[in-house]
Amino acid sequence: MKACFESASLDTNILIHLWKSGTEETLANMFGKAYVHQWLLDVELRHHAEKSLIEKIFAAMDIGFLEPVEKKYGRDIGFCINI
């Protein structure tokens, strides 16, 4: 199935909600790639999610769907990053 949209930018709450509810496949069905700011992964996710959930989210990076981005790269590809 082809994705509806090229990409999406995610925040911590979306990551936690989708992976915790087991509906992360919804992202893959709608978007070709999902970006998340590296700071959210390093700081926010570690403060708000259990270790087992973090491991599941990081597994999505291993397959290339979820891509961490730094502030400059995010701006270069058109995301508004206010961190």
N, C-alpha and C. Protein backbone atom coordinates (compact mmCIF):
# COMPACT_ATOMS: atom_id res chain seq x y z
N MET A 1 0.83 -1.18 0.00
CA MET A 1 0.00 0.00 0.00
C MET A 1 0.87 1.24 0.00
N LYS A 2 0.60 2.17 -0.90
CA LYS A 2 1.36 3.41 -0.99
C LYS A 2 0.89 4.39 0.08
N ALA A 3 1.84 5.09 0.68
CA ALA A 3 1.52 6.07 1.71
C ALA A 3 0.75 7.25 1.11
N CYS A 4 -0.12 7.83 1.89
CA CYS A 4 -0.92 8.98 1.45
C CYS A 4 -0.08 10.25 1.37
N PHE A 5 0.87 10.41 2.29
CA PHE A 5 1.68 11.62 2.37
C PHE A 5 3.15 11.23 2.42
N GLU A 6 4.00 12.13 1.98
CA GLU A 6 5.43 11.84 1.95
C GLU A 6 6.04 11.68 3.33
N SER A 7 5.73 12.62 4.25
CA SER A 7 6.36 12.56 5.56
C SER A 7 5.54 13.30 6.61
N ALA A 8 5.93 13.07 7.87
CA ALA A 8 5.30 13.73 9.01
C ALA A 8 6.36 14.01 10.05
N SER A 9 6.12 15.02 10.87
CA SER A 9 6.98 15.33 12.00
C SER A 9 6.19 15.01 13.27
N LEU A 10 6.80 14.26 14.18
CA LEU A 10 6.08 13.80 15.36
C LEU A 10 6.63 14.40 16.64
N ASP A 11 5.75 14.54 17.63
CA ASP A 11 6.21 14.97 18.95
C ASP A 11 6.15 13.78 19.90
N THR A 12 6.62 13.99 21.11
CA THR A 12 6.71 12.92 22.10
C THR A 12 5.36 12.30 22.42
N ASN A 13 4.34 13.12 22.60
CA ASN A 13 3.02 12.60 22.94
C ASN A 13 2.47 11.67 21.86
N ILE A 14 2.66 12.04 20.61
CA ILE A 14 2.19 11.20 19.50
C ILE A 14 2.94 9.87 19.49
N LEU A 15 4.25 9.94 19.64
CA LEU A 15 5.06 8.71 19.67
C LEU A 15 4.57 7.77 20.77
N ILE A 16 4.46 8.30 21.96
CA ILE A 16 4.06 7.46 23.10
C ILE A 16 2.66 6.90 22.89
N HIS A 17 1.73 7.73 22.48
CA HIS A 17 0.35 7.28 22.31
C HIS A 17 0.24 6.17 21.26
N LEU A 18 0.82 6.40 20.08
CA LEU A 18 0.69 5.40 19.01
C LEU A 18 1.36 4.08 19.35
N TRP A 19 2.58 4.15 19.88
CA TRP A 19 3.28 2.90 20.20
C TRP A 19 2.66 2.20 21.41
N LYS A 20 2.21 2.95 22.38
CA LYS A 20 1.60 2.35 23.57
C LYS A 20 0.29 1.66 23.23
N SER A 21 -0.47 2.24 22.30
CA SER A 21 -1.75 1.67 21.91
C SER A 21 -1.62 0.61 20.81
N GLY A 22 -0.38 0.42 20.31
CA GLY A 22 -0.16 -0.58 19.27
C GLY A 22 -0.68 -0.17 17.91
N THR A 23 -0.85 1.13 17.68
CA THR A 23 -1.39 1.61 16.41
C THR A 23 -0.36 2.37 15.58
N GLU A 24 0.92 2.10 15.83
CA GLU A 24 1.97 2.79 15.09
C GLU A 24 1.93 2.49 13.59
N GLU A 25 1.32 1.38 13.20
CA GLU A 25 1.20 1.05 11.78
C GLU A 25 0.37 2.08 11.03
N THR A 26 -0.48 2.79 11.75
CA THR A 26 -1.25 3.87 11.14
C THR A 26 -0.33 4.88 10.49
N LEU A 27 0.78 5.18 11.15
CA LEU A 27 1.76 6.12 10.58
C LEU A 27 2.32 5.59 9.27
N ALA A 28 2.72 4.34 9.26
CA ALA A 28 3.31 3.75 8.06
C ALA A 28 2.31 3.70 6.91
N ASN A 29 1.03 3.55 7.22
CA ASN A 29 0.00 3.53 6.18
C ASN A 29 -0.24 4.92 5.60
N MET A 30 -0.03 5.95 6.40
CA MET A 30 -0.31 7.31 5.95
C MET A 30 0.92 8.07 5.46
N PHE A 31 2.10 7.75 6.04
CA PHE A 31 3.29 8.52 5.72
C PHE A 31 4.43 7.62 5.29
N GLY A 32 5.20 8.07 4.32
CA GLY A 32 6.35 7.32 3.85
C GLY A 32 7.49 7.32 4.85
N LYS A 33 7.60 8.39 5.62
CA LYS A 33 8.66 8.54 6.61
C LYS A 33 8.16 9.45 7.72
N ALA A 34 8.63 9.21 8.93
CA ALA A 34 8.27 10.06 10.06
C ALA A 34 9.55 10.60 10.68
N TYR A 35 9.57 11.89 10.96
CA TYR A 35 10.72 12.54 11.56
C TYR A 35 10.40 12.92 13.00
N VAL A 36 11.41 12.83 13.84
CA VAL A 36 11.27 13.28 15.23
C VAL A 36 12.58 13.94 15.63
N HIS A 37 12.46 15.06 16.32
CA HIS A 37 13.65 15.81 16.72
C HIS A 37 14.47 14.97 17.70
N GLN A 38 15.77 14.95 17.51
CA GLN A 38 16.67 14.15 18.34
C GLN A 38 16.55 14.52 19.82
N TRP A 39 16.36 15.78 20.13
CA TRP A 39 16.21 16.21 21.52
C TRP A 39 15.00 15.55 22.17
N LEU A 40 13.91 15.40 21.43
CA LEU A 40 12.72 14.73 21.98
C LEU A 40 13.03 13.28 22.34
N LEU A 41 13.83 12.63 21.51
CA LEU A 41 14.21 11.25 21.79
C LEU A 41 15.15 11.17 22.98
N ASP A 42 16.12 12.07 23.03
CA ASP A 42 17.14 12.04 24.08
C ASP A 42 16.62 12.46 25.45
N VAL A 43 15.70 13.41 25.49
CA VAL A 43 15.27 13.99 26.76
C VAL A 43 13.82 13.65 27.08
N GLU A 44 12.91 14.13 26.26
CA GLU A 44 11.48 13.99 26.56
C GLU A 44 11.01 12.54 26.61
N LEU A 45 11.37 11.77 25.61
CA LEU A 45 10.91 10.38 25.56
C LEU A 45 11.41 9.60 26.77
N ARG A 46 12.64 9.84 27.15
CA ARG A 46 13.22 9.12 28.29
C ARG A 46 12.57 9.51 29.62
N HIS A 47 11.98 10.71 29.68
CA HIS A 47 11.29 11.15 30.89
C HIS A 47 9.84 10.69 30.96
N HIS A 48 9.24 10.38 29.81
CA HIS A 48 7.80 10.12 29.78
C HIS A 48 7.38 8.73 29.33
N ALA A 49 8.30 7.89 28.94
CA ALA A 49 7.94 6.55 28.47
C ALA A 49 8.75 5.48 29.18
N GLU A 50 8.15 4.30 29.31
CA GLU A 50 8.85 3.18 29.92
C GLU A 50 9.93 2.66 28.96
N LYS A 51 10.92 2.00 29.52
CA LYS A 51 12.04 1.49 28.72
C LYS A 51 11.58 0.57 27.60
N SER A 52 10.63 -0.32 27.86
CA SER A 52 10.17 -1.25 26.83
C SER A 52 9.51 -0.51 25.66
N LEU A 53 8.82 0.57 25.95
CA LEU A 53 8.19 1.36 24.90
C LEU A 53 9.24 2.12 24.09
N ILE A 54 10.23 2.66 24.77
CA ILE A 54 11.33 3.35 24.08
C ILE A 54 12.03 2.39 23.13
N GLU A 55 12.23 1.16 23.56
CA GLU A 55 12.88 0.16 22.69
C GLU A 55 12.07 -0.10 21.43
N LYS A 56 10.76 -0.16 21.55
CA LYS A 56 9.89 -0.36 20.38
C LYS A 56 9.98 0.82 19.42
N ILE A 57 9.99 2.01 19.97
CA ILE A 57 10.09 3.22 19.14
C ILE A 57 11.44 3.25 18.44
N PHE A 58 12.51 2.93 19.15
CA PHE A 58 13.83 2.91 18.54
C PHE A 58 13.95 1.82 17.47
N ALA A 59 13.20 0.75 17.59
CA ALA A 59 13.21 -0.30 16.56
C ALA A 59 12.69 0.25 15.23
N ALA A 60 11.77 1.22 15.28
CA ALA A 60 11.26 1.84 14.05
C ALA A 60 12.36 2.64 13.36
N MET A 61 13.34 3.12 14.13
CA MET A 61 14.48 3.81 13.53
C MET A 61 15.38 2.80 12.84
N ASP A 62 15.50 1.61 13.41
CA ASP A 62 16.35 0.57 12.83
C ASP A 62 15.87 0.16 11.44
N ILE A 63 14.57 0.20 11.21
CA ILE A 63 14.06 -0.18 9.88
C ILE A 63 13.96 1.01 8.93
N GLY A 64 14.29 2.22 9.43
CA GLY A 64 14.35 3.39 8.57
C GLY A 64 13.08 4.20 8.43
N PHE A 65 12.01 3.80 9.12
CA PHE A 65 10.77 4.57 9.00
C PHE A 65 10.81 5.84 9.84
N LEU A 66 11.21 5.71 11.07
CA LEU A 66 11.28 6.85 11.98
C LEU A 66 12.70 7.39 11.94
N GLU A 67 12.83 8.67 11.58
CA GLU A 67 14.17 9.24 11.43
C GLU A 67 14.38 10.41 12.40
N PRO A 68 15.38 10.30 13.26
CA PRO A 68 15.69 11.42 14.15
C PRO A 68 16.36 12.53 13.36
N VAL A 69 16.04 13.78 13.69
CA VAL A 69 16.64 14.92 13.00
C VAL A 69 17.14 15.94 14.00
N GLU A 70 18.20 16.60 13.65
CA GLU A 70 18.72 17.71 14.44
C GLU A 70 18.02 18.99 13.99
N LYS A 71 18.14 20.04 14.78
CA LYS A 71 17.44 21.29 14.54
C LYS A 71 17.71 21.86 13.14
N LYS A 72 18.96 21.95 12.74
CA LYS A 72 19.29 22.55 11.45
C LYS A 72 18.71 21.74 10.30
N TYR A 73 18.88 20.43 10.33
CA TYR A 73 18.35 19.58 9.26
C TYR A 73 16.82 19.69 9.19
N GLY A 74 16.16 19.73 10.34
CA GLY A 74 14.72 19.88 10.37
C GLY A 74 14.27 21.15 9.68
N ARG A 75 14.95 22.22 9.96
CA ARG A 75 14.63 23.50 9.29
C ARG A 75 14.92 23.41 7.80
N ASP A 76 16.02 22.76 7.43
CA ASP A 76 16.39 22.63 6.02
C ASP A 76 15.31 21.88 5.22
N ILE A 77 14.63 20.92 5.86
CA ILE A 77 13.61 20.17 5.14
C ILE A 77 12.20 20.73 5.37
N GLY A 78 12.11 21.87 6.07
CA GLY A 78 10.86 22.57 6.17
C GLY A 78 10.04 22.39 7.43
N PHE A 79 10.61 21.79 8.47
CA PHE A 79 9.87 21.63 9.71
C PHE A 79 10.17 22.80 10.64
N CYS A 80 9.17 23.27 11.33
CA CYS A 80 9.32 24.32 12.33
C CYS A 80 9.71 23.65 13.64
N ILE A 81 10.93 23.88 14.08
CA ILE A 81 11.42 23.27 15.30
C ILE A 81 11.80 24.38 16.27
N ASN A 82 11.07 24.48 17.36
CA ASN A 82 11.27 25.55 18.32
C ASN A 82 11.95 25.08 19.60
N ILE A 83 12.92 24.24 19.49
CA ILE A 83 13.62 23.73 20.67
C ILE A 83 14.97 24.38 20.75
